[in-house]
Amino acid sequence: MLFNSQVFIVFFLPAVLGLYYALSARRAARQTLVILASLGFYAWWDVRFVPLLAGLTVANWLIARWFGAARHRWIPILGVVLNLAALALFKYADFFRGTVFDLLGDSWHPWDLILPLGISFFVFQKISYLIDLRRGDRHIYSFLDFCMFVTFFPQLIAGPLVRHNEIIPQFDADPRRPAMWENLSRGFILFLIGVTKKVALADTLAMLADPLFHQALLAPLSAAQAWTAAAAYTLQIYFDFSGYSDMALGLALMFGFQLPFNFDAPYRARSVRDFWRRWHMTLSRFLRDYLYVPLGGNRGSSSRQAVNVIATMLLGGLWHGANWTFVAWGGLHGVALAVNHVWEKRGLRLPAAVAWLLTLLFVVVCWVLFRSPDFTHAGQILSSMVGLHGAGTLSLDRESVSALVIGALVATLGPTSQEAALRWLRPQTWLALPAGVLLAYLLLLIGGRLPNVFIYFQF
């Protein structure tokens, strides 16, 4: 079920939250409740997803216990290989097979294996834990702790990518501690901000971006249409994914847990390097700690550093999806990061406004490649953006214009969600009424539209 669905907000969340606090005095009972609720949440999408999640969870826990007893350094590597094999089979098998057959000019039939929702997220979680064990971490967790770490529904499907040592130690805390009411109120506000981002902004922008991207498959767009499509998607993907992250952080806080922040106003970045410090921050640090640094990181010559960062971002692009457009998107960001590194190393600087504008233009152009199903489609839109198919005009309805303007202002000038919920909006009685009215409005808005899944669910 979607976080931004009536069934989740009205039924699932209140029931699970109420039972959790009712069982708060018994740690094993409340953890079992969360694990079962999380599996039910996941099975709501498709019960066929559950065996892989459950099987990998048990297998990784057993591998960790085995390593804890034997201390052979190859044991965690065995677990990493197991996780990567599952990811390769379910997410990339048809992609690589298709690439090979296409190069050979042979016909082929895809296996069409079911792709479990959020497989990249929960596989990466397990990989990071196993690598930490091999690097010397001594934490071998109980079965309930490990299962709750992996399956905890707020972050199960689309992150943030939470590390074991960031959340498992919090399981000891009494949910009914003095901070309970503040956690509930701040968590609810953060969740509400996320729902607003998703429903009022991202989904409205999708109704503008999706038809234009689809139209580009049929006929060339004008420059006005192409730039509108690119701008709408740039804002849509930000509010869609940051909205999900806000909801995840808010839900976790309502249960008494703090998850790491995932976004910090990325469209204010003044360099590509700064962008990746602000965008999907938990993925950025995963790529840094488990790919870039092991490849050599900043050690060695500038050319070697460039190879390391480009290789890291190519794999990061592939992580996003089984399509060469994602690989190319990652590669472009890798090249930009390498250039950015050399630029900064030489002490070169641009005026702040110019640096911001160039960074944003680069990000917008790359999002076109990210959104397009193939290079031909991306090329059509990019050629339209440079005016090869005429300037054209575009008439937008009031709702679309409002979403574009408000979205642009919030993304570039407004406070971050965590600033608003955790620093500015202190728990006050008077906030209950406007928050309740906003939630009621969003529930009505949700009921009047077809459900729109989160973009990052495909990853």
Protein backbone atom coordinates (compact mmCIF):
# COMPACT_ATOMS: atom_id res chain seq x y z
CA MET A 1 0.00 0.00 0.00
CA LEU A 2 1.10 3.56 -0.59
CA PHE A 3 1.95 5.91 2.28
CA ASN A 4 -0.21 8.46 0.49
CA SER A 5 -3.27 6.20 0.37
CA GLN A 6 -6.44 6.37 2.39
CA VAL A 7 -6.14 2.77 3.56
CA PHE A 8 -2.64 3.41 4.97
CA ILE A 9 -3.41 6.75 6.64
CA VAL A 10 -6.85 5.90 7.99
CA PHE A 11 -6.50 2.21 8.88
CA PHE A 12 -3.02 0.67 8.72
CA LEU A 13 -0.96 3.36 10.45
CA PRO A 14 -3.32 4.05 13.40
CA ALA A 15 -3.82 0.32 14.03
CA VAL A 16 -0.10 -0.56 13.96
CA LEU A 17 0.93 2.52 15.92
CA GLY A 18 -1.73 1.91 18.58
CA LEU A 19 -0.78 -1.74 19.01
CA TYR A 20 2.92 -0.84 19.10
CA TYR A 21 2.46 1.50 22.04
CA ALA A 22 0.08 -0.94 23.72
CA LEU A 23 2.87 -3.55 23.59
CA SER A 24 5.64 -1.07 24.38
CA ALA A 25 6.50 -2.64 27.74
CA ARG A 26 7.54 -5.89 26.06
CA ARG A 27 10.39 -5.47 23.59
CA ALA A 28 10.00 -8.83 21.84
CA ALA A 29 6.25 -8.35 21.45
CA ARG A 30 6.47 -4.86 19.96
CA GLN A 31 9.27 -5.92 17.60
CA THR A 32 7.30 -8.97 16.45
CA LEU A 33 4.33 -6.71 15.77
CA VAL A 34 6.43 -4.35 13.62
CA ILE A 35 7.98 -7.23 11.67
CA LEU A 36 4.60 -8.86 10.95
CA ALA A 37 3.04 -5.51 10.06
CA SER A 38 5.97 -4.76 7.73
CA LEU A 39 5.63 -8.12 5.99
CA GLY A 40 1.90 -7.49 5.63
CA PHE A 41 2.63 -4.02 4.25
CA TYR A 42 5.01 -5.56 1.70
CA ALA A 43 2.64 -8.43 0.83
CA TRP A 44 -0.13 -5.89 0.14
CA TRP A 45 1.64 -5.10 -3.14
CA ASP A 46 2.14 -8.72 -4.15
CA VAL A 47 2.47 -11.68 -1.80
CA ARG A 48 5.02 -13.16 -4.21
CA PHE A 49 7.48 -10.46 -3.10
CA VAL A 50 7.65 -11.82 0.44
CA PRO A 51 9.61 -15.10 -0.01
CA LEU A 52 12.70 -13.37 -1.42
CA LEU A 53 12.68 -10.69 1.29
CA ALA A 54 12.18 -13.25 4.06
CA GLY A 55 14.62 -15.74 2.55
CA LEU A 56 17.42 -13.21 2.12
CA THR A 57 16.82 -11.86 5.61
CA VAL A 58 17.15 -15.29 7.23
CA ALA A 59 20.12 -16.23 5.02
CA ASN A 60 22.02 -13.02 5.83
CA TRP A 61 21.35 -13.40 9.55
CA LEU A 62 22.64 -16.98 9.47
CA ILE A 63 25.74 -15.88 7.54
CA ALA A 64 26.39 -13.15 10.11
CA ARG A 65 26.01 -15.65 12.97
CA TRP A 66 28.33 -18.05 11.16
CA PHE A 67 30.92 -15.32 10.77
CA GLY A 68 30.54 -14.39 14.44
CA ALA A 69 31.38 -17.96 15.43
CA ALA A 70 34.07 -18.80 12.86
CA ARG A 71 35.59 -15.39 12.02
CA HIS A 72 36.66 -16.47 8.54
CA ARG A 73 36.94 -13.31 6.42
CA TRP A 74 35.52 -15.03 3.34
CA ILE A 75 32.15 -15.69 5.01
CA PRO A 76 30.79 -12.11 4.61
CA ILE A 77 31.98 -12.15 0.99
CA LEU A 78 29.86 -15.25 0.46
CA GLY A 79 26.87 -13.28 1.75
CA VAL A 80 27.65 -10.32 -0.51
CA VAL A 81 27.82 -12.65 -3.52
CA LEU A 82 24.47 -14.18 -2.52
CA ASN A 83 22.82 -10.76 -2.33
CA LEU A 84 24.31 -9.57 -5.61
CA ALA A 85 23.26 -12.81 -7.30
CA ALA A 86 19.66 -12.25 -6.20
CA LEU A 87 19.79 -8.66 -7.45
CA ALA A 88 21.37 -9.70 -10.74
CA LEU A 89 18.82 -12.44 -11.35
CA PHE A 90 15.64 -10.55 -10.57
CA LYS A 91 16.61 -7.07 -11.75
CA TYR A 92 19.26 -7.44 -14.42
CA ALA A 93 18.99 -10.89 -16.00
CA ASP A 94 16.76 -9.83 -18.90
CA PHE A 95 18.71 -6.58 -19.33
CA PHE A 96 22.07 -8.30 -19.79
CA ARG A 97 20.60 -11.15 -21.82
CA GLY A 98 18.87 -8.67 -24.09
CA THR A 99 22.06 -6.67 -24.55
CA VAL A 100 24.02 -9.77 -25.56
CA PHE A 101 21.36 -11.08 -27.93
CA ASP A 102 20.93 -7.63 -29.51
CA LEU A 103 24.67 -7.39 -30.12
CA LEU A 104 24.61 -10.84 -31.72
CA GLY A 105 21.56 -9.95 -33.77
CA ASP A 106 19.61 -12.91 -32.43
CA SER A 107 15.99 -12.99 -31.37
CA TRP A 108 15.24 -13.72 -27.74
CA HIS A 109 12.41 -13.95 -25.26
CA PRO A 110 12.65 -12.29 -21.85
CA TRP A 111 12.22 -14.40 -18.77
CA ASP A 112 9.93 -11.73 -17.28
CA LEU A 113 10.89 -12.59 -13.72
CA ILE A 114 8.88 -10.78 -11.09
CA LEU A 115 10.84 -7.79 -9.76
CA PRO A 116 10.32 -7.49 -5.99
CA LEU A 117 9.55 -3.94 -4.95
CA GLY A 118 12.51 -2.05 -3.51
CA ILE A 119 14.94 -4.96 -4.00
CA SER A 120 17.91 -2.63 -4.51
CA PHE A 121 17.31 -0.93 -1.19
CA PHE A 122 17.03 -3.97 1.04
CA VAL A 123 19.85 -5.79 -0.78
CA PHE A 124 22.20 -2.81 -0.29
CA GLN A 125 21.29 -2.70 3.40
CA LYS A 126 22.40 -6.28 3.88
CA ILE A 127 25.55 -5.81 1.82
CA SER A 128 26.63 -2.82 3.90
CA TYR A 129 26.18 -4.83 7.11
CA LEU A 130 28.21 -7.78 5.83
CA ILE A 131 31.02 -5.54 4.60
CA ASP A 132 31.07 -3.78 7.98
CA LEU A 133 31.46 -7.18 9.65
CA ARG A 134 34.41 -8.02 7.42
CA ARG A 135 35.97 -4.65 8.20
CA GLY A 136 35.92 -5.41 11.90
CA ASP A 137 32.46 -4.54 13.18
CA ARG A 138 31.59 -6.96 16.00
CA HIS A 139 27.82 -6.52 16.07
CA ILE A 140 26.06 -9.88 15.65
CA TYR A 141 22.40 -9.12 16.26
CA SER A 142 19.52 -11.18 17.53
CA PHE A 143 17.06 -12.53 14.99
CA LEU A 144 14.31 -10.06 15.96
CA ASP A 145 16.68 -7.09 15.82
CA PHE A 146 18.02 -8.06 12.40
CA CYS A 147 14.55 -8.76 10.97
CA MET A 148 13.20 -5.45 12.22
CA PHE A 149 16.23 -3.62 10.83
CA VAL A 150 15.64 -5.06 7.36
CA THR A 151 11.83 -5.09 7.17
CA PHE A 152 10.88 -1.89 9.06
CA PHE A 153 8.17 -0.68 6.69
CA PRO A 154 8.87 3.10 6.64
CA GLN A 155 12.24 2.51 4.92
CA LEU A 156 11.69 -0.92 3.37
CA ILE A 157 10.76 -0.02 -0.20
CA ALA A 158 12.57 3.21 -1.05
CA GLY A 159 14.93 4.03 1.77
CA PRO A 160 16.59 6.01 3.13
CA LEU A 161 19.43 3.49 3.09
CA VAL A 162 19.76 2.97 6.83
CA ARG A 163 22.82 1.28 8.30
CA HIS A 164 22.54 -1.29 11.06
CA ASN A 165 24.42 0.79 13.62
CA GLU A 166 22.14 3.78 13.03
CA ILE A 167 18.87 2.13 14.00
CA ILE A 168 19.33 -1.21 15.79
CA PRO A 169 20.76 0.42 18.96
CA GLN A 170 17.54 2.49 19.11
CA PHE A 171 15.43 -0.66 19.51
CA ASP A 172 16.41 -0.79 23.19
CA ALA A 173 14.75 2.55 23.97
CA ASP A 174 11.37 2.54 25.70
CA PRO A 175 8.77 3.92 23.25
CA ARG A 176 6.95 5.54 26.18
CA ARG A 177 9.95 7.61 27.24
CA PRO A 178 9.48 11.32 28.02
CA ALA A 179 10.07 12.31 24.38
CA MET A 180 7.14 10.16 23.16
CA TRP A 181 4.61 12.94 22.60
CA GLU A 182 7.13 15.20 20.95
CA ASN A 183 8.22 12.35 18.66
CA LEU A 184 4.60 11.65 17.75
CA SER A 185 3.78 15.28 16.99
CA ARG A 186 6.99 16.11 15.10
CA GLY A 187 6.82 12.81 13.25
CA PHE A 188 3.24 13.46 12.21
CA ILE A 189 4.12 16.94 10.92
CA LEU A 190 7.07 15.57 8.95
CA PHE A 191 4.83 12.83 7.55
CA LEU A 192 2.21 15.44 6.63
CA ILE A 193 4.83 17.56 4.84
CA GLY A 194 5.85 14.49 2.86
CA VAL A 195 2.26 13.69 1.88
CA THR A 196 1.77 17.30 0.78
CA LYS A 197 4.90 17.16 -1.36
CA LYS A 198 3.80 13.92 -2.99
CA VAL A 199 0.08 14.54 -3.49
CA ALA A 200 -0.16 18.29 -3.99
CA LEU A 201 3.08 18.86 -5.89
CA ALA A 202 4.69 15.71 -7.34
CA ASP A 203 1.45 14.11 -8.55
CA THR A 204 0.22 17.41 -10.01
CA LEU A 205 3.53 17.91 -11.81
CA ALA A 206 3.31 14.32 -13.11
CA MET A 207 0.06 15.23 -14.86
CA LEU A 208 2.06 17.85 -16.76
CA ALA A 209 5.33 15.97 -17.35
CA ASP A 210 3.99 12.53 -18.28
CA PRO A 211 1.80 13.60 -21.26
CA LEU A 212 4.61 15.73 -22.68
CA PHE A 213 7.19 12.95 -22.41
CA HIS A 214 4.67 10.58 -24.01
CA GLN A 215 3.92 13.08 -26.76
CA ALA A 216 7.63 13.21 -27.59
CA LEU A 217 7.42 9.53 -28.53
CA LEU A 218 4.89 10.40 -31.22
CA ALA A 219 6.13 13.73 -32.60
CA PRO A 220 8.85 16.31 -31.84
CA LEU A 221 8.06 18.82 -29.11
CA SER A 222 8.57 22.54 -29.42
CA ALA A 223 11.21 24.18 -27.26
CA ALA A 224 8.51 25.51 -24.92
CA GLN A 225 7.01 22.06 -24.50
CA ALA A 226 10.39 20.35 -24.02
CA TRP A 227 11.60 22.79 -21.38
CA THR A 228 8.27 22.58 -19.58
CA ALA A 229 8.48 18.77 -19.59
CA ALA A 230 12.06 18.85 -18.28
CA ALA A 231 11.28 21.44 -15.60
CA ALA A 232 8.14 19.62 -14.49
CA TYR A 233 9.97 16.29 -14.19
CA THR A 234 12.91 17.92 -12.38
CA LEU A 235 10.51 19.17 -9.72
CA GLN A 236 8.36 16.03 -9.80
CA ILE A 237 11.17 13.61 -9.03
CA TYR A 238 12.45 15.83 -6.22
CA PHE A 239 9.11 16.23 -4.49
CA ASP A 240 8.21 12.60 -5.15
CA PHE A 241 11.35 11.13 -3.61
CA SER A 242 11.98 13.74 -0.92
CA GLY A 243 8.29 13.47 -0.05
CA TYR A 244 8.68 9.72 0.41
CA SER A 245 11.78 10.28 2.53
CA ASP A 246 9.94 12.82 4.68
CA MET A 247 7.13 10.33 5.21
CA ALA A 248 9.61 7.58 6.08
CA LEU A 249 11.43 9.79 8.59
CA GLY A 250 8.15 11.02 10.04
CA LEU A 251 6.73 7.51 10.42
CA ALA A 252 9.92 6.24 12.04
CA LEU A 253 9.89 9.18 14.47
CA MET A 254 6.31 8.36 15.41
CA PHE A 255 7.61 4.93 16.46
CA GLY A 256 10.42 6.60 18.38
CA PHE A 257 13.27 6.08 15.87
CA GLN A 258 15.46 8.61 14.08
CA LEU A 259 16.46 7.78 10.49
CA PRO A 260 19.20 9.66 8.60
CA PHE A 261 18.17 12.61 6.46
CA ASN A 262 18.09 11.95 2.72
CA PHE A 263 17.69 15.39 1.13
CA ASP A 264 19.08 18.84 1.87
CA ALA A 265 17.74 21.27 -0.75
CA PRO A 266 19.71 19.77 -3.68
CA TYR A 267 18.50 22.31 -6.22
CA ARG A 268 20.39 25.01 -4.34
CA ALA A 269 23.69 23.26 -5.08
CA ARG A 270 26.44 25.30 -6.72
CA SER A 271 28.38 22.35 -8.08
CA VAL A 272 27.68 18.75 -9.04
CA ARG A 273 29.73 17.64 -6.05
CA ASP A 274 27.52 19.79 -3.81
CA PHE A 275 24.43 18.33 -5.50
CA TRP A 276 25.42 14.79 -4.53
CA ARG A 277 26.04 15.92 -0.96
CA ARG A 278 22.40 17.02 -0.89
CA TRP A 279 20.56 14.52 -3.16
CA HIS A 280 19.75 10.99 -1.90
CA MET A 281 22.39 11.49 0.75
CA THR A 282 22.25 7.94 2.09
CA LEU A 283 22.90 6.48 -1.37
CA SER A 284 25.74 8.97 -1.93
CA ARG A 285 27.52 7.87 1.25
CA PHE A 286 26.91 4.18 0.39
CA LEU A 287 28.55 4.68 -3.02
CA ARG A 288 31.38 6.59 -1.35
CA ASP A 289 32.06 4.13 1.47
CA TYR A 290 31.46 0.83 -0.32
CA LEU A 291 32.53 1.60 -3.89
CA TYR A 292 34.53 4.80 -4.30
CA VAL A 293 36.86 4.37 -1.31
CA PRO A 294 37.57 0.65 -1.97
CA LEU A 295 38.36 1.54 -5.59
CA GLY A 296 41.00 3.93 -4.31
CA GLY A 297 38.99 7.05 -3.58
CA ASN A 298 41.05 10.23 -3.61
CA ARG A 299 44.32 8.31 -3.40
CA GLY A 300 46.60 8.39 -6.40
CA SER A 301 46.78 10.78 -9.34
CA SER A 302 44.00 13.02 -10.57
CA SER A 303 43.40 10.70 -13.51
CA ARG A 304 43.08 7.74 -11.17
CA GLN A 305 40.60 9.66 -8.99
CA ALA A 306 38.60 10.49 -12.12
CA VAL A 307 38.46 6.80 -13.09
CA ASN A 308 37.32 5.92 -9.57
CA VAL A 309 34.50 8.44 -9.44
CA ILE A 310 33.30 7.70 -12.99
CA ALA A 311 33.27 3.94 -12.30
CA THR A 312 31.37 4.56 -9.06
CA MET A 313 28.73 6.69 -10.75
CA LEU A 314 28.35 4.27 -13.66
CA LEU A 315 27.51 1.55 -11.15
CA GLY A 316 25.30 4.01 -9.30
CA GLY A 317 23.43 4.67 -12.52
CA LEU A 318 23.03 0.95 -13.15
CA TRP A 319 21.69 0.56 -9.60
CA HIS A 320 18.84 2.87 -10.57
CA GLY A 321 17.56 0.63 -13.31
CA ALA A 322 18.21 -2.02 -15.92
CA ASN A 323 18.57 0.36 -18.84
CA TRP A 324 21.57 1.89 -20.57
CA THR A 325 20.03 5.34 -20.15
CA PHE A 326 20.55 5.02 -16.39
CA VAL A 327 24.16 3.97 -16.93
CA ALA A 328 24.72 6.96 -19.20
CA TRP A 329 23.06 9.25 -16.65
CA GLY A 330 25.41 7.97 -13.97
CA GLY A 331 28.38 8.30 -16.30
CA LEU A 332 27.57 11.94 -17.07
CA HIS A 333 27.42 12.71 -13.37
CA GLY A 334 30.68 10.83 -12.87
CA VAL A 335 32.43 12.88 -15.56
CA ALA A 336 30.99 16.08 -14.08
CA LEU A 337 32.22 15.11 -10.61
CA ALA A 338 35.69 14.40 -12.00
CA VAL A 339 35.79 17.78 -13.76
CA ASN A 340 34.43 19.44 -10.62
CA HIS A 341 37.25 17.88 -8.58
CA VAL A 342 39.96 19.16 -10.94
CA TRP A 343 38.29 22.59 -11.07
CA GLU A 344 38.29 22.91 -7.28
CA LYS A 345 41.80 21.48 -6.95
CA ARG A 346 43.12 24.27 -9.18
CA GLY A 347 41.38 26.86 -7.01
CA LEU A 348 39.05 28.03 -9.77
CA ARG A 349 35.76 29.67 -8.82
CA LEU A 350 32.64 30.96 -10.57
CA PRO A 351 30.28 33.62 -9.28
CA ALA A 352 27.72 31.96 -7.00
CA ALA A 353 24.76 32.72 -9.28
CA VAL A 354 26.54 31.39 -12.37
CA ALA A 355 27.70 28.25 -10.54
CA TRP A 356 24.16 27.57 -9.31
CA LEU A 357 22.60 28.12 -12.75
CA LEU A 358 25.11 25.90 -14.58
CA THR A 359 24.70 23.14 -11.99
CA LEU A 360 20.92 23.27 -12.23
CA LEU A 361 20.99 23.23 -16.06
CA PHE A 362 23.26 20.19 -16.01
CA VAL A 363 20.98 18.38 -13.56
CA VAL A 364 17.85 19.21 -15.60
CA VAL A 365 19.41 17.96 -18.85
CA CYS A 366 20.52 14.75 -17.16
CA TRP A 367 17.02 14.19 -15.74
CA VAL A 368 15.73 14.07 -19.32
CA LEU A 369 18.00 11.08 -19.95
CA PHE A 370 16.96 9.53 -16.64
CA ARG A 371 13.24 9.86 -17.47
CA SER A 372 13.41 8.70 -21.09
CA PRO A 373 12.91 5.01 -21.97
CA ASP A 374 15.73 5.06 -24.54
CA PHE A 375 18.38 7.29 -26.11
CA THR A 376 16.23 8.09 -29.14
CA HIS A 377 13.49 9.51 -26.95
CA ALA A 378 15.98 11.47 -24.87
CA GLY A 379 17.62 12.81 -28.03
CA GLN A 380 14.26 14.00 -29.37
CA ILE A 381 13.53 16.00 -26.22
CA LEU A 382 17.06 17.41 -25.92
CA SER A 383 17.02 18.47 -29.57
CA SER A 384 13.72 20.21 -28.93
CA MET A 385 15.22 21.96 -25.90
CA VAL A 386 17.92 23.54 -28.06
CA GLY A 387 15.26 24.77 -30.49
CA LEU A 388 15.69 22.38 -33.44
CA HIS A 389 11.91 21.95 -33.69
CA GLY A 390 10.86 25.55 -33.19
CA ALA A 391 10.22 27.73 -30.16
CA GLY A 392 6.48 27.09 -29.99
CA THR A 393 4.06 28.08 -27.26
CA LEU A 394 2.33 26.20 -24.48
CA SER A 395 -0.91 26.94 -22.69
CA LEU A 396 -1.05 25.64 -19.11
CA ASP A 397 -3.97 25.39 -16.73
CA ARG A 398 -3.89 27.22 -13.41
CA GLU A 399 -3.15 24.06 -11.40
CA SER A 400 -0.05 23.25 -13.47
CA VAL A 401 1.26 26.81 -13.32
CA SER A 402 0.73 26.89 -9.55
CA ALA A 403 2.55 23.57 -9.10
CA LEU A 404 5.50 24.77 -11.21
CA VAL A 405 5.81 28.14 -9.46
CA ILE A 406 5.26 26.89 -5.92
CA GLY A 407 7.47 23.87 -6.55
CA ALA A 408 10.31 26.01 -7.91
CA LEU A 409 10.09 28.44 -4.98
CA VAL A 410 10.00 25.70 -2.35
CA ALA A 411 12.84 23.74 -3.98
CA THR A 412 15.17 26.72 -4.30
CA LEU A 413 14.17 29.16 -1.54
CA GLY A 414 12.00 27.38 1.01
CA PRO A 415 13.15 25.65 4.20
CA THR A 416 13.96 21.96 4.12
CA SER A 417 11.37 19.60 5.56
CA GLN A 418 13.53 18.73 8.54
CA GLU A 419 14.05 22.42 9.33
CA ALA A 420 10.30 23.01 9.23
CA ALA A 421 9.26 19.97 11.26
CA LEU A 422 12.14 19.54 13.67
CA ARG A 423 13.26 23.12 14.26
CA TRP A 424 10.58 25.66 13.35
CA LEU A 425 7.22 24.00 14.03
CA ARG A 426 7.50 23.27 17.72
CA PRO A 427 4.66 21.13 19.10
CA GLN A 428 1.83 23.55 19.82
CA THR A 429 -1.85 22.91 20.55
CA TRP A 430 -2.94 25.44 17.95
CA LEU A 431 -1.19 23.44 15.18
CA ALA A 432 -3.60 20.52 15.63
CA LEU A 433 -6.50 22.18 13.81
CA PRO A 434 -4.65 23.36 10.64
CA ALA A 435 -2.76 20.06 10.49
CA GLY A 436 -6.03 18.13 10.73
CA VAL A 437 -7.67 20.30 8.06
CA LEU A 438 -4.68 19.81 5.74
CA LEU A 439 -4.78 16.05 6.26
CA ALA A 440 -8.52 15.96 5.52
CA TYR A 441 -7.97 17.98 2.33
CA LEU A 442 -5.15 15.66 1.22
CA LEU A 443 -7.28 12.58 1.90
CA LEU A 444 -10.03 14.04 -0.31
CA LEU A 445 -7.46 14.89 -2.98
CA ILE A 446 -6.08 11.35 -2.80
CA GLY A 447 -9.55 9.88 -3.16
CA GLY A 448 -10.26 11.96 -6.25
CA ARG A 449 -7.21 10.79 -8.19
CA LEU A 450 -5.83 7.53 -9.46
CA PRO A 451 -3.04 6.32 -7.16
CA ASN A 452 0.40 7.41 -8.37
CA VAL A 453 3.22 5.22 -7.09
CA PHE A 454 6.55 6.68 -6.03
CA ILE A 455 9.13 6.98 -8.81
CA TYR A 456 11.86 5.29 -6.77
CA PHE A 457 9.76 2.16 -6.19
CA GLN A 458 11.15 0.84 -9.48
CA PHE A 459 14.64 0.82 -8.01
